[in-house]
Amino acid sequence: MRQEPGTEVLDRRVAEVFAGRVVRKDLVRKIKVGANVPVYVLEYLLGKYCATDDQAAIDAGLRLVNYTIAENFIRPDEANRAQFALKDRGQLMMIDKVRVRALESRDWAEMANFGNRYLHVPDHLIRRYPRLLEGGIWAQVELEYRPDEEDDNRPFYITEIRPIQLAGFELDEWKEGRRQFTTDEWGDLLLRSVGLEPTEFSPRTKLLLLSRLIPMVEHNFNYVELGPRSTGKSFVYREVSPYAILVSGGRTTVANLFYNMASGKMGLVGLWDVVAFDGVAGIQVDDKTAVQILKDYMDAGSFSRGR
């Protein structure tokens, strides 16, 4: 698609103000097709290897991104193969979501796709990245196999973590950059950030599309969007943020949504910043009290169940 002259100016200004943090969304689309990887993971890799205007360097970077995904990203059904590869090679680097459970005796890390819940993790990594204790982070994880250590039954060790998603946030830096754009320009930049081309939409449509992001930044904001299929309603909550979860149609329970009294574990509403329901009309709630608890939560921003 040919860019309008105004968008080219905006591209240059964004690259100047937020140098090293700009990702070309057209490259994301090229990589995303056929890769079951969250968009923010792809954007991290593209920002690392394709942050240039040189087409030859971009082509080389794309090959490197594809190679990195093929070699380091594993699907859940490949967990056994990955564990065998780690034992065979002794060292391995993987892209996965890692979190830490702080137990009474010691702390254990687990990786979502690697399929092992007892990974040794150094204390200094937990202190450096506290979000490991808050639901986990997507990261490049370096692993070692140490069969001769004291704990032979659990020989997998995490030696380094390089966060892919945001590990820290300095609001002042972004506020200073925001001052260099008009309101309309900033709105266009936000739309670009979720993969939409603002020149294709009217001012009213732009505001409607931006309203999808309000639950990401506003406490206790309840939002319902009605519309036909393939208009991006669920995309924002599935792909844009690692702190939002999309619940698709099917059966759900009070324990799954709020609190499991048997296991003492918090449900989705307590663990995620944003909980979105895809096709809410098709979701069946077995316990009708869930509807009342959800209504109370949407009204007051808190809930109680049992204890």
Protein backbone atom coordinates (compact mmCIF):
# COMPACT_ATOMS: atom_id res chain seq x y z
CA MET A 1 0.00 0.00 0.00
CA ARG A 2 1.37 3.42 -0.98
CA GLN A 3 1.80 5.69 2.00
CA GLU A 4 0.35 9.18 2.08
CA PRO A 5 2.94 11.98 2.39
CA GLY A 6 1.70 12.78 5.92
CA THR A 7 2.28 9.22 7.12
CA GLU A 8 5.86 9.28 5.82
CA VAL A 9 6.50 12.43 7.85
CA LEU A 10 4.95 10.75 10.93
CA ASP A 11 7.12 7.67 10.38
CA ARG A 12 10.29 9.77 10.34
CA ARG A 13 9.31 11.74 13.44
CA VAL A 14 8.40 8.61 15.39
CA ALA A 15 11.73 7.03 14.46
CA GLU A 16 13.53 10.15 15.70
CA VAL A 17 11.60 10.58 18.96
CA PHE A 18 11.51 6.87 19.87
CA ALA A 19 14.76 5.76 18.28
CA GLY A 20 15.35 2.00 18.45
CA ARG A 21 11.78 1.26 19.53
CA VAL A 22 9.97 1.40 16.21
CA VAL A 23 8.81 -1.79 14.50
CA ARG A 24 7.48 -2.04 10.96
CA LYS A 25 4.07 -3.69 11.15
CA ASP A 26 4.21 -4.93 7.57
CA LEU A 27 7.17 -7.11 8.59
CA VAL A 28 5.17 -8.47 11.53
CA ARG A 29 2.50 -9.69 9.11
CA LYS A 30 5.09 -11.46 6.97
CA ILE A 31 6.47 -13.38 9.96
CA LYS A 32 3.15 -13.96 11.73
CA VAL A 33 1.70 -16.07 8.92
CA GLY A 34 2.50 -19.66 9.83
CA ALA A 35 4.12 -18.82 13.18
CA ASN A 36 2.13 -19.51 16.32
CA VAL A 37 4.00 -16.85 18.28
CA PRO A 38 2.50 -13.82 20.09
CA VAL A 39 2.83 -10.60 18.13
CA TYR A 40 4.82 -8.85 20.87
CA VAL A 41 7.43 -11.63 20.68
CA LEU A 42 7.79 -11.12 16.93
CA GLU A 43 8.02 -7.35 17.41
CA TYR A 44 10.85 -7.81 19.90
CA LEU A 45 12.83 -9.88 17.40
CA LEU A 46 12.09 -7.50 14.54
CA GLY A 47 13.14 -4.54 16.66
CA LYS A 48 16.38 -6.36 17.44
CA TYR A 49 17.31 -7.49 13.92
CA CYS A 50 15.36 -5.25 11.49
CA ALA A 51 15.58 -1.74 12.98
CA THR A 52 16.91 -0.13 9.78
CA ASP A 53 15.80 1.39 6.47
CA ASP A 54 18.32 -0.64 4.45
CA GLN A 55 16.32 -3.26 2.52
CA ALA A 56 19.26 -5.66 2.28
CA ALA A 57 19.76 -5.50 6.05
CA ILE A 58 16.00 -5.99 6.55
CA ASP A 59 16.01 -9.11 4.35
CA ALA A 60 18.97 -10.52 6.29
CA GLY A 61 17.22 -9.66 9.57
CA LEU A 62 14.03 -11.41 8.48
CA ARG A 63 15.99 -14.57 7.72
CA LEU A 64 17.57 -14.35 11.17
CA VAL A 65 14.17 -13.83 12.83
CA ASN A 66 12.73 -16.86 11.03
CA TYR A 67 15.75 -18.93 12.02
CA THR A 68 15.48 -17.81 15.66
CA ILE A 69 11.81 -18.77 15.82
CA ALA A 70 12.42 -22.12 14.15
CA GLU A 71 15.32 -23.00 16.45
CA ASN A 72 14.27 -21.50 19.78
CA PHE A 73 10.47 -21.42 19.91
CA ILE A 74 8.79 -24.71 20.82
CA ARG A 75 5.15 -25.75 20.81
CA PRO A 76 3.65 -27.60 23.80
CA ASP A 77 3.59 -30.87 21.84
CA GLU A 78 7.37 -30.55 21.32
CA ALA A 79 8.19 -30.43 25.05
CA ASN A 80 9.69 -33.95 25.21
CA ARG A 81 11.88 -33.30 22.18
CA ALA A 82 13.11 -30.03 23.72
CA GLN A 83 14.00 -31.69 27.03
CA PHE A 84 15.88 -34.44 25.21
CA ALA A 85 17.74 -31.82 23.15
CA LEU A 86 18.77 -30.02 26.35
CA LYS A 87 20.11 -33.26 27.85
CA ASP A 88 21.88 -34.12 24.61
CA ARG A 89 23.56 -30.73 24.09
CA GLY A 90 24.00 -29.63 27.70
CA GLN A 91 22.90 -26.07 26.91
CA LEU A 92 19.93 -24.58 25.07
CA MET A 93 18.33 -21.18 24.50
CA MET A 94 14.52 -21.07 24.19
CA ILE A 95 11.80 -18.48 23.72
CA ASP A 96 9.04 -19.24 26.18
CA LYS A 97 6.92 -17.77 28.95
CA VAL A 98 8.63 -18.33 32.31
CA ARG A 99 7.26 -17.77 35.79
CA VAL A 100 8.45 -18.52 39.32
CA ARG A 101 6.61 -20.17 42.21
CA ALA A 102 7.88 -18.95 45.59
CA LEU A 103 7.41 -21.94 47.91
CA GLU A 104 8.38 -22.36 51.56
CA SER A 105 11.43 -24.53 50.92
CA ARG A 106 12.74 -23.03 47.68
CA ASP A 107 11.74 -21.24 44.49
CA TRP A 108 10.97 -23.13 41.30
CA ALA A 109 10.62 -21.79 37.78
CA GLU A 110 8.41 -23.26 35.09
CA MET A 111 8.11 -22.64 31.38
CA ALA A 112 4.77 -22.74 29.59
CA ASN A 113 5.78 -24.83 26.54
CA PHE A 114 8.90 -26.58 27.86
CA GLY A 115 6.75 -28.82 30.04
CA ASN A 116 8.82 -28.85 33.23
CA ARG A 117 7.63 -27.25 36.48
CA TYR A 118 10.86 -27.72 38.47
CA LEU A 119 13.56 -25.57 36.94
CA HIS A 120 16.28 -24.19 39.20
CA VAL A 121 16.46 -20.40 39.00
CA PRO A 122 19.05 -18.06 40.64
CA ASP A 123 17.76 -15.60 43.23
CA HIS A 124 19.38 -12.64 41.48
CA LEU A 125 17.21 -13.19 38.39
CA ILE A 126 14.06 -13.18 40.50
CA ARG A 127 15.13 -9.92 42.17
CA ARG A 128 16.05 -8.38 38.81
CA TYR A 129 12.74 -9.34 37.16
CA PRO A 130 10.02 -9.32 39.87
CA ARG A 131 7.33 -9.93 37.27
CA LEU A 132 8.49 -13.53 37.19
CA LEU A 133 6.49 -13.78 40.43
CA GLU A 134 3.49 -11.95 38.98
CA GLY A 135 2.23 -14.30 36.30
CA GLY A 136 5.48 -14.61 34.39
CA ILE A 137 7.10 -12.98 31.35
CA TRP A 138 7.98 -14.00 27.81
CA ALA A 139 11.72 -14.15 27.52
CA GLN A 140 14.76 -15.68 25.89
CA VAL A 141 15.77 -18.29 28.46
CA GLU A 142 19.19 -19.95 28.64
CA LEU A 143 19.08 -23.46 30.13
CA GLU A 144 21.76 -25.90 31.28
CA TYR A 145 21.62 -29.62 32.02
CA ARG A 146 23.57 -30.50 35.18
CA PRO A 147 23.07 -34.19 36.02
CA ASP A 148 25.93 -34.27 38.54
CA GLU A 149 24.47 -31.61 40.85
CA GLU A 150 22.94 -32.49 44.23
CA ASP A 151 19.39 -32.76 42.87
CA ASP A 152 19.73 -35.39 40.13
CA ASN A 153 15.96 -35.74 39.73
CA ARG A 154 15.69 -32.08 38.70
CA PRO A 155 18.78 -31.35 36.60
CA PHE A 156 17.51 -28.40 34.52
CA TYR A 157 18.91 -24.99 35.47
CA ILE A 158 18.02 -21.51 34.20
CA THR A 159 21.24 -19.50 33.86
CA GLU A 160 20.03 -16.30 32.16
CA ILE A 161 16.76 -14.57 31.28
CA ARG A 162 16.38 -11.79 28.69
CA PRO A 163 12.83 -10.42 28.86
CA ILE A 164 10.99 -9.99 25.58
CA GLN A 165 7.97 -8.17 26.93
CA LEU A 166 8.31 -5.03 29.01
CA ALA A 167 10.32 -5.74 32.15
CA GLY A 168 10.29 -2.16 33.38
CA PHE A 169 8.40 1.01 32.48
CA GLU A 170 9.51 4.65 32.72
CA LEU A 171 6.42 6.79 32.16
CA ASP A 172 8.29 10.11 32.13
CA GLU A 173 10.24 9.11 29.02
CA TRP A 174 7.04 8.38 27.12
CA LYS A 175 5.34 11.54 28.39
CA GLU A 176 8.22 13.61 27.05
CA GLY A 177 7.94 11.90 23.65
CA ARG A 178 4.16 12.37 23.63
CA ARG A 179 4.58 16.16 23.90
CA GLN A 180 6.19 16.22 20.46
CA PHE A 181 3.02 14.99 18.72
CA THR A 182 -0.42 16.49 18.26
CA THR A 183 -3.50 14.63 19.51
CA ASP A 184 -4.37 13.47 16.00
CA GLU A 185 -0.81 12.31 15.33
CA TRP A 186 -0.70 10.39 18.60
CA GLY A 187 -4.01 8.71 17.80
CA ASP A 188 -2.64 7.65 14.42
CA LEU A 189 0.48 6.29 16.10
CA LEU A 190 -1.60 4.24 18.55
CA LEU A 191 -3.61 2.76 15.67
CA ARG A 192 -0.38 1.91 13.88
CA SER A 193 0.80 0.19 17.07
CA VAL A 194 -2.09 -2.30 16.93
CA GLY A 195 -1.57 -2.96 13.22
CA LEU A 196 -4.15 -0.63 11.65
CA GLU A 197 -3.51 2.00 8.96
CA PRO A 198 -5.13 5.27 10.14
CA THR A 199 -5.37 6.80 6.64
CA GLU A 200 -8.03 4.19 5.81
CA PHE A 201 -10.47 5.33 8.51
CA SER A 202 -12.67 8.34 9.25
CA PRO A 203 -12.07 10.35 12.46
CA ARG A 204 -15.10 8.71 14.13
CA THR A 205 -13.96 5.20 13.19
CA LYS A 206 -10.49 5.97 14.56
CA LEU A 207 -11.98 6.88 17.94
CA LEU A 208 -14.09 3.72 17.98
CA LEU A 209 -11.03 1.58 17.23
CA LEU A 210 -8.98 3.36 19.90
CA SER A 211 -11.73 2.70 22.44
CA ARG A 212 -10.69 -0.98 22.37
CA LEU A 213 -7.56 0.06 24.24
CA ILE A 214 -9.36 1.80 27.13
CA PRO A 215 -9.63 -1.39 29.26
CA MET A 216 -5.82 -1.65 29.03
CA VAL A 217 -5.28 1.64 30.85
CA GLU A 218 -8.45 2.43 32.82
CA HIS A 219 -9.33 0.67 36.08
CA ASN A 220 -12.70 -1.08 36.28
CA PHE A 221 -13.71 -0.17 32.73
CA ASN A 222 -16.37 -2.45 31.22
CA TYR A 223 -16.67 -2.54 27.46
CA VAL A 224 -18.96 -4.34 25.02
CA GLU A 225 -18.35 -4.30 21.27
CA LEU A 226 -20.90 -5.58 18.77
CA GLY A 227 -19.84 -6.21 15.22
CA PRO A 228 -19.40 -8.73 12.40
CA ARG A 229 -16.62 -11.28 12.19
CA SER A 230 -13.06 -10.44 11.13
CA THR A 231 -13.13 -6.81 12.26
CA GLY A 232 -10.37 -7.16 14.87
CA LYS A 233 -12.53 -7.28 18.01
CA SER A 234 -10.66 -10.17 19.61
CA PHE A 235 -7.25 -9.49 18.02
CA VAL A 236 -6.39 -6.62 20.37
CA TYR A 237 -6.97 -8.69 23.51
CA ARG A 238 -5.27 -11.83 22.17
CA GLU A 239 -2.15 -10.42 20.53
CA VAL A 240 -1.34 -6.86 21.62
CA SER A 241 -0.69 -7.22 25.36
CA PRO A 242 0.78 -10.05 27.47
CA TYR A 243 -1.37 -8.85 30.39
CA ALA A 244 -4.72 -9.52 28.72
CA ILE A 245 -6.44 -12.88 28.24
CA LEU A 246 -9.17 -13.79 25.77
CA VAL A 247 -11.74 -16.32 26.96
CA SER A 248 -13.42 -18.03 24.00
CA GLY A 249 -16.89 -19.55 23.94
CA GLY A 250 -17.62 -22.67 25.96
CA ARG A 251 -18.25 -23.57 29.58
CA THR A 252 -16.69 -21.70 32.46
CA THR A 253 -17.03 -21.82 36.24
CA VAL A 254 -16.85 -19.53 39.26
CA ALA A 255 -13.59 -21.25 40.26
CA ASN A 256 -12.07 -20.59 36.84
CA LEU A 257 -13.11 -16.95 36.76
CA PHE A 258 -12.70 -15.87 40.37
CA TYR A 259 -11.41 -18.21 43.07
CA ASN A 260 -11.05 -21.96 43.50
CA MET A 261 -11.96 -22.71 47.13
CA ALA A 262 -10.64 -26.30 46.88
CA SER A 263 -7.14 -25.43 45.66
CA GLY A 264 -6.92 -21.90 47.04
CA LYS A 265 -5.89 -20.52 43.64
CA MET A 266 -7.01 -17.21 42.20
CA GLY A 267 -9.02 -17.26 38.99
CA LEU A 268 -8.59 -15.35 35.73
CA VAL A 269 -10.13 -12.11 37.00
CA GLY A 270 -7.59 -11.90 39.81
CA LEU A 271 -4.57 -12.84 37.69
CA TRP A 272 -4.99 -10.78 34.52
CA ASP A 273 -5.23 -7.02 34.04
CA VAL A 274 -7.81 -7.44 31.28
CA VAL A 275 -10.22 -10.37 30.82
CA ALA A 276 -12.09 -10.35 27.51
CA PHE A 277 -14.86 -12.73 26.44
CA ASP A 278 -14.93 -13.67 22.75
CA GLY A 279 -18.47 -14.44 21.66
CA VAL A 280 -19.94 -13.88 25.11
CA ALA A 281 -23.36 -15.11 23.98
CA GLY A 282 -21.90 -18.60 23.48
CA ILE A 283 -20.26 -18.87 26.91
CA GLN A 284 -22.15 -21.13 29.33
CA VAL A 285 -21.77 -20.62 33.08
CA ASP A 286 -22.52 -23.76 35.09
CA ASP A 287 -22.96 -21.92 38.42
CA LYS A 288 -25.42 -19.06 38.09
CA THR A 289 -23.82 -17.28 41.05
CA ALA A 290 -20.95 -16.45 38.70
CA VAL A 291 -23.19 -13.94 36.92
CA GLN A 292 -23.96 -12.12 40.15
CA ILE A 293 -20.31 -12.13 41.26
CA LEU A 294 -19.28 -10.79 37.85
CA LYS A 295 -21.89 -8.02 38.06
CA ASP A 296 -20.63 -7.01 41.50
CA TYR A 297 -17.04 -7.03 40.26
CA MET A 298 -17.88 -4.92 37.21
CA ASP A 299 -19.63 -2.42 39.47
CA ALA A 300 -17.18 -2.18 42.39
CA GLY A 301 -13.91 -3.59 41.02
CA SER A 302 -13.67 -6.25 43.75
CA PHE A 303 -15.28 -9.57 44.65
CA SER A 304 -15.47 -12.05 47.53
CA ARG A 305 -16.14 -15.76 47.55
CA GLY A 306 -16.16 -18.09 50.53
CA ARG A 307 -13.39 -16.94 52.83
